[in-house]
């Protein structure tokens, strides 16, 4: 029996994990999923993730693929995995893909959401999923800053430290703001992202919103490519990987829905 290339969509609360990627001495999303799949398929399974989310970062739509050989019907994998995963991780769907499909190389874009709790007092129920900022944020100034990032740029100034070298040129398709009561969502859609890039974008936009820097200064930092000129990285808990796209039309529909 030939091994199938199986693709899973996975959701997780990343609070208590040291990121997606397998670690030698710390809990990771990858290790939990691999242990469950290895038990179901009764052979060692290695998964490949579309995004290496950091410690504390969440996902509603992480995508992974693996090669497995077994009798379990693909569509039953999400239910079978429930018995092997902690409640913080759920396999939402499973489907068989062509042999050469790669979650990492075949995606056409990603949607991340960064959530801020902007209120006089923190919401205890948002602490795991939002960055609490007491002072009011100037939304219009933040929108002006976000517009500077749209299109194709060298995002070296927004790259985290200790990262493996990647091409810093990325294209941002859409950056939009949505209020949900005292919560502010910053939705970022692009063709790819550097390590810590969305958290650094969020941190920079908050600095604009608090009038610590001007949009013009923000533009200078982007064009200068020097990470040390940008302020602090926004904390991990506000970030969620919403969707990884493998279809241009689905990507375009998401951008339209966010911008309307």
C-alpha atoms as a PDB file:
ATOM      1  CA  UNK A   1       0.000   0.000   0.000  1.00  0.00           C
ATOM      2  CA  UNK A   2       1.467   3.361  -1.048  1.00  0.00           C
ATOM      3  CA  UNK A   3       1.733   6.097   1.547  1.00  0.00           C
ATOM      4  CA  UNK A   4      -0.908   8.827   1.269  1.00  0.00           C
ATOM      5  CA  UNK A   5      -0.063  12.520   1.468  1.00  0.00           C
ATOM      6  CA  UNK A   6      -2.608  13.716   4.025  1.00  0.00           C
ATOM      7  CA  UNK A   7      -3.318  17.368   4.803  1.00  0.00           C
ATOM      8  CA  UNK A   8      -4.816  18.460   8.143  1.00  0.00           C
ATOM      9  CA  UNK A   9      -6.236  21.800   9.254  1.00  0.00           C
ATOM     10  CA  UNK A  10      -5.429  22.282  12.928  1.00  0.00           C
ATOM     11  CA  UNK A  11      -6.536  24.794  15.585  1.00  0.00           C
ATOM     12  CA  UNK A  12      -4.775  25.383  18.885  1.00  0.00           C
ATOM     13  CA  UNK A  13      -4.450  27.606  21.914  1.00  0.00           C
ATOM     14  CA  UNK A  14      -0.684  28.153  22.014  1.00  0.00           C
ATOM     15  CA  UNK A  15      -0.502  29.580  25.560  1.00  0.00           C
ATOM     16  CA  UNK A  16       1.073  26.551  27.224  1.00  0.00           C
ATOM     17  CA  UNK A  17       3.260  25.431  24.309  1.00  0.00           C
ATOM     18  CA  UNK A  18       6.754  26.462  23.247  1.00  0.00           C
ATOM     19  CA  UNK A  19       5.602  27.079  19.690  1.00  0.00           C
ATOM     20  CA  UNK A  20       4.610  24.830  16.823  1.00  0.00           C
ATOM     21  CA  UNK A  21       8.025  23.349  16.114  1.00  0.00           C
ATOM     22  CA  UNK A  22       9.235  20.212  17.886  1.00  0.00           C
ATOM     23  CA  UNK A  23      11.574  20.934  20.825  1.00  0.00           C
ATOM     24  CA  UNK A  24      13.919  18.554  22.603  1.00  0.00           C
ATOM     25  CA  UNK A  25      12.832  19.487  26.125  1.00  0.00           C
ATOM     26  CA  UNK A  26       9.593  21.506  25.878  1.00  0.00           C
ATOM     27  CA  UNK A  27       5.986  20.905  24.831  1.00  0.00           C
ATOM     28  CA  UNK A  28       5.235  21.721  21.182  1.00  0.00           C
ATOM     29  CA  UNK A  29       2.196  21.475  18.929  1.00  0.00           C
ATOM     30  CA  UNK A  30       4.141  19.409  16.396  1.00  0.00           C
ATOM     31  CA  UNK A  31       5.176  16.768  18.947  1.00  0.00           C
ATOM     32  CA  UNK A  32       1.605  16.360  20.265  1.00  0.00           C
ATOM     33  CA  UNK A  33       0.177  15.866  16.776  1.00  0.00           C
ATOM     34  CA  UNK A  34       2.986  13.514  15.720  1.00  0.00           C
ATOM     35  CA  UNK A  35       2.506  11.345  18.806  1.00  0.00           C
ATOM     36  CA  UNK A  36      -1.220  11.008  18.107  1.00  0.00           C
ATOM     37  CA  UNK A  37      -0.761  10.247  14.415  1.00  0.00           C
ATOM     38  CA  UNK A  38       2.010   7.746  15.131  1.00  0.00           C
ATOM     39  CA  UNK A  39      -0.363   5.883  17.472  1.00  0.00           C
ATOM     40  CA  UNK A  40      -3.192   5.886  14.922  1.00  0.00           C
ATOM     41  CA  UNK A  41      -0.979   4.823  12.002  1.00  0.00           C
ATOM     42  CA  UNK A  42       1.138   2.512  14.197  1.00  0.00           C
ATOM     43  CA  UNK A  43       4.355   3.850  12.690  1.00  0.00           C
ATOM     44  CA  UNK A  44       6.472   6.990  13.236  1.00  0.00           C
ATOM     45  CA  UNK A  45       4.893  10.043  11.570  1.00  0.00           C
ATOM     46  CA  UNK A  46       6.566  13.384  10.835  1.00  0.00           C
ATOM     47  CA  UNK A  47       4.367  16.384  10.041  1.00  0.00           C
ATOM     48  CA  UNK A  48       5.281  19.535   8.107  1.00  0.00           C
ATOM     49  CA  UNK A  49       3.649  22.842   9.082  1.00  0.00           C
ATOM     50  CA  UNK A  50       2.705  25.786   6.869  1.00  0.00           C
ATOM     51  CA  UNK A  51       3.797  28.225   9.598  1.00  0.00           C
ATOM     52  CA  UNK A  52       6.188  27.887  12.525  1.00  0.00           C
ATOM     53  CA  UNK A  53       4.145  29.787  15.087  1.00  0.00           C
ATOM     54  CA  UNK A  54       6.103  31.035  18.127  1.00  0.00           C
ATOM     55  CA  UNK A  55       5.656  30.146  21.774  1.00  0.00           C
ATOM     56  CA  UNK A  56       2.291  31.450  22.978  1.00  0.00           C
ATOM     57  CA  UNK A  57       0.892  32.144  19.495  1.00  0.00           C
ATOM     58  CA  UNK A  58      -2.474  30.623  18.547  1.00  0.00           C
ATOM     59  CA  UNK A  59      -3.936  29.208  15.329  1.00  0.00           C
ATOM     60  CA  UNK A  60      -7.436  28.746  13.977  1.00  0.00           C
ATOM     61  CA  UNK A  61      -6.220  27.459  10.629  1.00  0.00           C
ATOM     62  CA  UNK A  62      -2.721  26.006  10.766  1.00  0.00           C
ATOM     63  CA  UNK A  63      -2.178  23.514   7.928  1.00  0.00           C
ATOM     64  CA  UNK A  64       0.095  20.463   8.148  1.00  0.00           C
ATOM     65  CA  UNK A  65       0.795  17.508   5.903  1.00  0.00           C
ATOM     66  CA  UNK A  66       2.349  14.085   6.437  1.00  0.00           C
ATOM     67  CA  UNK A  67       2.829  10.788   4.642  1.00  0.00           C
ATOM     68  CA  UNK A  68       1.026   7.862   6.230  1.00  0.00           C
ATOM     69  CA  UNK A  69       0.115   4.294   5.400  1.00  0.00           C
ATOM     70  CA  UNK A  70      -2.826   2.698   7.166  1.00  0.00           C
ATOM     71  CA  UNK A  71      -6.383   1.452   7.001  1.00  0.00           C
ATOM     72  CA  UNK A  72      -8.052   4.393   8.762  1.00  0.00           C
ATOM     73  CA  UNK A  73     -10.265   6.414   6.360  1.00  0.00           C
ATOM     74  CA  UNK A  74      -8.803   9.909   5.968  1.00  0.00           C
ATOM     75  CA  UNK A  75     -12.048  11.669   6.954  1.00  0.00           C
ATOM     76  CA  UNK A  76     -12.054   9.790  10.311  1.00  0.00           C
ATOM     77  CA  UNK A  77      -8.642  11.128  11.388  1.00  0.00           C
ATOM     78  CA  UNK A  78     -10.021  14.261  13.184  1.00  0.00           C
ATOM     79  CA  UNK A  79     -12.255  12.097  15.395  1.00  0.00           C
ATOM     80  CA  UNK A  80      -9.552   9.488  16.015  1.00  0.00           C
ATOM     81  CA  UNK A  81      -7.111  12.229  17.069  1.00  0.00           C
ATOM     82  CA  UNK A  82      -9.438  13.529  19.808  1.00  0.00           C
ATOM     83  CA  UNK A  83      -8.358  10.638  22.020  1.00  0.00           C
ATOM     84  CA  UNK A  84      -4.657  11.501  21.680  1.00  0.00           C
ATOM     85  CA  UNK A  85      -4.583  15.305  21.827  1.00  0.00           C
ATOM     86  CA  UNK A  86      -4.851  17.730  24.747  1.00  0.00           C
ATOM     87  CA  UNK A  87      -8.038  19.831  24.629  1.00  0.00           C
ATOM     88  CA  UNK A  88      -5.975  22.861  23.524  1.00  0.00           C
ATOM     89  CA  UNK A  89      -5.391  21.234  20.111  1.00  0.00           C
ATOM     90  CA  UNK A  90      -8.038  20.101  17.604  1.00  0.00           C
ATOM     91  CA  UNK A  91      -7.749  18.583  14.137  1.00  0.00           C
ATOM     92  CA  UNK A  92     -10.556  20.296  12.203  1.00  0.00           C
ATOM     93  CA  UNK A  93     -10.343  18.450   8.882  1.00  0.00           C
ATOM     94  CA  UNK A  94      -8.300  15.910   6.931  1.00  0.00           C
ATOM     95  CA  UNK A  95      -8.027  15.266   3.193  1.00  0.00           C
ATOM     96  CA  UNK A  96      -5.786  13.384   0.851  1.00  0.00           C
ATOM     97  CA  UNK A  97      -3.586  15.475  -1.433  1.00  0.00           C
ATOM     98  CA  UNK A  98      -1.442  14.771  -4.514  1.00  0.00           C
ATOM     99  CA  UNK A  99       1.908  13.155  -3.743  1.00  0.00           C
ATOM    100  CA  UNK A 100       4.002  16.300  -4.268  1.00  0.00           C
ATOM    101  CA  UNK A 101       1.716  18.754  -2.411  1.00  0.00           C
ATOM    102  CA  UNK A 102       3.581  20.794   0.241  1.00  0.00           C
ATOM    103  CA  UNK A 103       1.832  22.956   2.834  1.00  0.00           C
ATOM    104  CA  UNK A 104       4.862  25.216   3.001  1.00  0.00           C
ATOM    105  CA  UNK A 105       5.688  25.708  -0.662  1.00  0.00           C
ATOM    106  CA  UNK A 106       2.260  25.567  -2.309  1.00  0.00           C
ATOM    107  CA  UNK A 107       0.441  28.196  -0.247  1.00  0.00           C
ATOM    108  CA  UNK A 108      -0.410  31.534  -1.891  1.00  0.00           C
ATOM    109  CA  UNK A 109      -0.813  33.602   1.270  1.00  0.00           C
ATOM    110  CA  UNK A 110      -1.605  33.720   4.980  1.00  0.00           C
ATOM    111  CA  UNK A 111      -4.025  35.674   7.161  1.00  0.00           C
ATOM    112  CA  UNK A 112      -2.920  36.590  10.674  1.00  0.00           C
ATOM    113  CA  UNK A 113      -4.977  38.493  13.238  1.00  0.00           C
ATOM    114  CA  UNK A 114      -3.460  40.496  16.078  1.00  0.00           C
ATOM    115  CA  UNK A 115      -5.927  41.416  18.855  1.00  0.00           C
ATOM    116  CA  UNK A 116      -5.591  44.319  21.281  1.00  0.00           C
ATOM    117  CA  UNK A 117      -7.729  44.850  24.392  1.00  0.00           C
ATOM    118  CA  UNK A 118      -7.944  48.667  24.408  1.00  0.00           C
ATOM    119  CA  UNK A 119      -9.860  49.640  27.534  1.00  0.00           C
ATOM    120  CA  UNK A 120      -9.447  51.363  30.896  1.00  0.00           C
ATOM    121  CA  UNK A 121      -9.453  47.977  32.674  1.00  0.00           C
ATOM    122  CA  UNK A 122      -8.284  44.638  31.292  1.00  0.00           C
ATOM    123  CA  UNK A 123     -10.801  41.934  30.408  1.00  0.00           C
ATOM    124  CA  UNK A 124      -9.763  38.762  32.331  1.00  0.00           C
ATOM    125  CA  UNK A 125     -11.338  36.630  29.591  1.00  0.00           C
ATOM    126  CA  UNK A 126      -9.167  38.235  26.885  1.00  0.00           C
ATOM    127  CA  UNK A 127      -5.795  37.971  28.632  1.00  0.00           C
ATOM    128  CA  UNK A 128      -4.789  34.764  26.839  1.00  0.00           C
ATOM    129  CA  UNK A 129      -5.770  36.148  23.426  1.00  0.00           C
ATOM    130  CA  UNK A 130      -5.116  39.900  23.417  1.00  0.00           C
ATOM    131  CA  UNK A 131      -2.537  42.549  24.323  1.00  0.00           C
ATOM    132  CA  UNK A 132      -3.973  44.878  26.971  1.00  0.00           C
ATOM    133  CA  UNK A 133      -3.319  48.576  26.281  1.00  0.00           C
ATOM    134  CA  UNK A 134      -4.981  51.060  28.638  1.00  0.00           C
ATOM    135  CA  UNK A 135      -4.398  54.346  26.772  1.00  0.00           C
ATOM    136  CA  UNK A 136      -6.749  55.094  23.860  1.00  0.00           C
ATOM    137  CA  UNK A 137      -5.250  54.304  20.453  1.00  0.00           C
ATOM    138  CA  UNK A 138      -5.439  56.774  17.570  1.00  0.00           C
ATOM    139  CA  UNK A 139      -7.044  54.493  14.973  1.00  0.00           C
ATOM    140  CA  UNK A 140      -6.672  56.961  12.089  1.00  0.00           C
ATOM    141  CA  UNK A 141      -2.933  57.349  12.661  1.00  0.00           C
ATOM    142  CA  UNK A 142      -2.609  53.542  12.833  1.00  0.00           C
ATOM    143  CA  UNK A 143      -4.453  53.192   9.508  1.00  0.00           C
ATOM    144  CA  UNK A 144      -2.079  55.731   7.981  1.00  0.00           C
ATOM    145  CA  UNK A 145       0.861  53.639   9.221  1.00  0.00           C
ATOM    146  CA  UNK A 146      -0.657  50.394   7.942  1.00  0.00           C
ATOM    147  CA  UNK A 147      -1.081  51.850   4.459  1.00  0.00           C
ATOM    148  CA  UNK A 148       2.702  52.413   4.302  1.00  0.00           C
ATOM    149  CA  UNK A 149       3.264  48.651   4.605  1.00  0.00           C
ATOM    150  CA  UNK A 150       0.953  47.649   1.757  1.00  0.00           C
ATOM    151  CA  UNK A 151       2.570  46.291  -1.395  1.00  0.00           C
ATOM    152  CA  UNK A 152       6.018  44.750  -1.831  1.00  0.00           C
ATOM    153  CA  UNK A 153       8.851  45.850   0.475  1.00  0.00           C
ATOM    154  CA  UNK A 154      12.026  44.660   2.130  1.00  0.00           C
ATOM    155  CA  UNK A 155      10.739  43.974   5.669  1.00  0.00           C
ATOM    156  CA  UNK A 156      14.164  43.572   7.325  1.00  0.00           C
ATOM    157  CA  UNK A 157      13.178  46.214   9.934  1.00  0.00           C
ATOM    158  CA  UNK A 158      10.311  43.946  11.038  1.00  0.00           C
ATOM    159  CA  UNK A 159      12.283  40.700  11.308  1.00  0.00           C
ATOM    160  CA  UNK A 160      12.843  39.061  14.693  1.00  0.00           C
ATOM    161  CA  UNK A 161      16.280  38.349  16.107  1.00  0.00           C
ATOM    162  CA  UNK A 162      17.867  34.855  16.012  1.00  0.00           C
ATOM    163  CA  UNK A 163      16.106  33.949  12.799  1.00  0.00           C
ATOM    164  CA  UNK A 164      17.257  31.671  10.005  1.00  0.00           C
ATOM    165  CA  UNK A 165      18.018  33.795   6.925  1.00  0.00           C
ATOM    166  CA  UNK A 166      14.966  34.301   4.701  1.00  0.00           C
ATOM    167  CA  UNK A 167      14.223  36.536   1.756  1.00  0.00           C
ATOM    168  CA  UNK A 168      13.060  39.733   3.503  1.00  0.00           C
ATOM    169  CA  UNK A 169      11.043  40.908   0.478  1.00  0.00           C
ATOM    170  CA  UNK A 170       7.356  40.219   1.134  1.00  0.00           C
ATOM    171  CA  UNK A 171       4.065  41.517  -0.258  1.00  0.00           C
ATOM    172  CA  UNK A 172       1.301  42.731   2.069  1.00  0.00           C
ATOM    173  CA  UNK A 173      -2.083  42.496   0.352  1.00  0.00           C
ATOM    174  CA  UNK A 174      -4.261  43.931   3.107  1.00  0.00           C
ATOM    175  CA  UNK A 175      -4.010  45.386   6.632  1.00  0.00           C
ATOM    176  CA  UNK A 176      -7.375  46.244   8.161  1.00  0.00           C
ATOM    177  CA  UNK A 177      -8.768  47.219  11.574  1.00  0.00           C
ATOM    178  CA  UNK A 178     -11.958  45.870  13.119  1.00  0.00           C
ATOM    179  CA  UNK A 179     -13.468  46.840  16.465  1.00  0.00           C
ATOM    180  CA  UNK A 180     -15.291  44.246  18.581  1.00  0.00           C
ATOM    181  CA  UNK A 181     -16.358  46.328  21.562  1.00  0.00           C
ATOM    182  CA  UNK A 182     -13.160  47.062  23.502  1.00  0.00           C
ATOM    183  CA  UNK A 183     -11.188  44.606  21.350  1.00  0.00           C
ATOM    184  CA  UNK A 184      -9.342  45.836  18.250  1.00  0.00           C
ATOM    185  CA  UNK A 185      -8.374  43.271  15.608  1.00  0.00           C
ATOM    186  CA  UNK A 186      -5.562  44.031  13.176  1.00  0.00           C
ATOM    187  CA  UNK A 187      -5.981  41.663  10.220  1.00  0.00           C
ATOM    188  CA  UNK A 188      -2.855  41.205   8.102  1.00  0.00           C
ATOM    189  CA  UNK A 189      -2.882  39.260   4.820  1.00  0.00           C
ATOM    190  CA  UNK A 190       0.318  38.726   2.857  1.00  0.00           C
ATOM    191  CA  UNK A 191       2.200  36.317   0.618  1.00  0.00           C
ATOM    192  CA  UNK A 192       4.621  35.392   3.410  1.00  0.00           C
ATOM    193  CA  UNK A 193       5.996  36.548   6.750  1.00  0.00           C
ATOM    194  CA  UNK A 194       9.356  36.731   8.494  1.00  0.00           C
ATOM    195  CA  UNK A 195       9.962  35.531  12.058  1.00  0.00           C
ATOM    196  CA  UNK A 196       8.094  37.881  14.480  1.00  0.00           C
ATOM    197  CA  UNK A 197       7.027  40.065  11.534  1.00  0.00           C
ATOM    198  CA  UNK A 198       3.314  40.396  12.374  1.00  0.00           C
ATOM    199  CA  UNK A 199       4.098  41.017  16.052  1.00  0.00           C
ATOM    200  CA  UNK A 200       6.597  43.711  15.045  1.00  0.00           C
ATOM    201  CA  UNK A 201       4.014  45.271  12.712  1.00  0.00           C
ATOM    202  CA  UNK A 202       1.499  45.302  15.578  1.00  0.00           C
ATOM    203  CA  UNK A 203       4.067  46.816  17.951  1.00  0.00           C
ATOM    204  CA  UNK A 204       4.930  49.530  15.433  1.00  0.00           C
ATOM    205  CA  UNK A 205       1.281  50.365  14.741  1.00  0.00           C
ATOM    206  CA  UNK A 206       0.597  50.618  18.485  1.00  0.00           C
ATOM    207  CA  UNK A 207       3.551  53.032  18.814  1.00  0.00           C
ATOM    208  CA  UNK A 208       1.873  55.146  16.122  1.00  0.00           C
ATOM    209  CA  UNK A 209      -1.503  54.826  17.857  1.00  0.00           C
ATOM    210  CA  UNK A 210       0.046  56.054  21.130  1.00  0.00           C
ATOM    211  CA  UNK A 211       1.854  58.892  19.257  1.00  0.00           C
ATOM    212  CA  UNK A 212       5.281  57.559  20.198  1.00  0.00           C
ATOM    213  CA  UNK A 213       6.270  57.705  16.533  1.00  0.00           C
ATOM    214  CA  UNK A 214       4.715  59.356  13.484  1.00  0.00           C
ATOM    215  CA  UNK A 215       3.643  57.532  10.318  1.00  0.00           C
ATOM    216  CA  UNK A 216       6.490  59.335   8.519  1.00  0.00           C
ATOM    217  CA  UNK A 217       8.996  57.957  11.021  1.00  0.00           C
ATOM    218  CA  UNK A 218       7.421  54.517  10.535  1.00  0.00           C
ATOM    219  CA  UNK A 219       8.032  54.841   6.784  1.00  0.00           C
ATOM    220  CA  UNK A 220      11.675  55.783   7.419  1.00  0.00           C
ATOM    221  CA  UNK A 221      12.125  52.696   9.627  1.00  0.00           C
ATOM    222  CA  UNK A 222      10.642  50.424   6.931  1.00  0.00           C
ATOM    223  CA  UNK A 223      12.870  51.942   4.240  1.00  0.00           C
ATOM    224  CA  UNK A 224      15.956  51.899   6.484  1.00  0.00           C
ATOM    225  CA  UNK A 225      15.678  48.173   7.163  1.00  0.00           C
ATOM    226  CA  UNK A 226      17.132  48.433  10.685  1.00  0.00           C
ATOM    227  CA  UNK A 227      15.201  46.410  13.297  1.00  0.00           C
ATOM    228  CA  UNK A 228      16.840  48.313  16.174  1.00  0.00           C
ATOM    229  CA  UNK A 229      15.015  51.500  15.123  1.00  0.00           C
ATOM    230  CA  UNK A 230      11.607  49.883  15.703  1.00  0.00           C
ATOM    231  CA  UNK A 231      10.135  49.561  19.203  1.00  0.00           C
ATOM    232  CA  UNK A 232       9.253  46.434  21.169  1.00  0.00           C
ATOM    233  CA  UNK A 233       7.774  43.270  19.651  1.00  0.00           C
ATOM    234  CA  UNK A 234       4.083  42.893  20.534  1.00  0.00           C
ATOM    235  CA  UNK A 235       3.452  39.995  22.951  1.00  0.00           C
ATOM    236  CA  UNK A 236       2.692  36.535  21.579  1.00  0.00           C
ATOM    237  CA  UNK A 237      -0.769  35.992  23.054  1.00  0.00           C
ATOM    238  CA  UNK A 238      -2.448  38.562  20.775  1.00  0.00           C
ATOM    239  CA  UNK A 239      -1.446  36.743  17.581  1.00  0.00           C
ATOM    240  CA  UNK A 240      -3.471  34.077  15.800  1.00  0.00           C
ATOM    241  CA  UNK A 241      -2.840  32.362  12.463  1.00  0.00           C
ATOM    242  CA  UNK A 242      -6.326  32.527  10.975  1.00  0.00           C
ATOM    243  CA  UNK A 243      -5.984  30.902   7.545  1.00  0.00           C
ATOM    244  CA  UNK A 244      -3.385  29.557   5.124  1.00  0.00           C
ATOM    245  CA  UNK A 245      -4.526  29.870   1.503  1.00  0.00           C
ATOM    246  CA  UNK A 246      -3.898  27.431  -1.346  1.00  0.00           C
ATOM    247  CA  UNK A 247      -6.406  28.970  -3.753  1.00  0.00           C
ATOM    248  CA  UNK A 248      -6.057  32.476  -5.231  1.00  0.00           C
ATOM    249  CA  UNK A 249      -9.842  32.984  -5.346  1.00  0.00           C
ATOM    250  CA  UNK A 250     -10.266  32.141  -1.662  1.00  0.00           C
ATOM    251  CA  UNK A 251      -7.458  34.576  -0.858  1.00  0.00           C
ATOM    252  CA  UNK A 252      -9.110  37.346  -2.895  1.00  0.00           C
ATOM    253  CA  UNK A 253     -12.493  36.688  -1.244  1.00  0.00           C
ATOM    254  CA  UNK A 254     -10.949  36.964   2.225  1.00  0.00           C
ATOM    255  CA  UNK A 255      -9.260  40.269   1.364  1.00  0.00           C
ATOM    256  CA  UNK A 256     -12.561  41.642   0.017  1.00  0.00           C
ATOM    257  CA  UNK A 257     -14.485  40.535   3.102  1.00  0.00           C
ATOM    258  CA  UNK A 258     -11.928  42.156   5.421  1.00  0.00           C
ATOM    259  CA  UNK A 259     -11.872  45.413   3.468  1.00  0.00           C
ATOM    260  CA  UNK A 260     -15.672  45.810   3.299  1.00  0.00           C
END
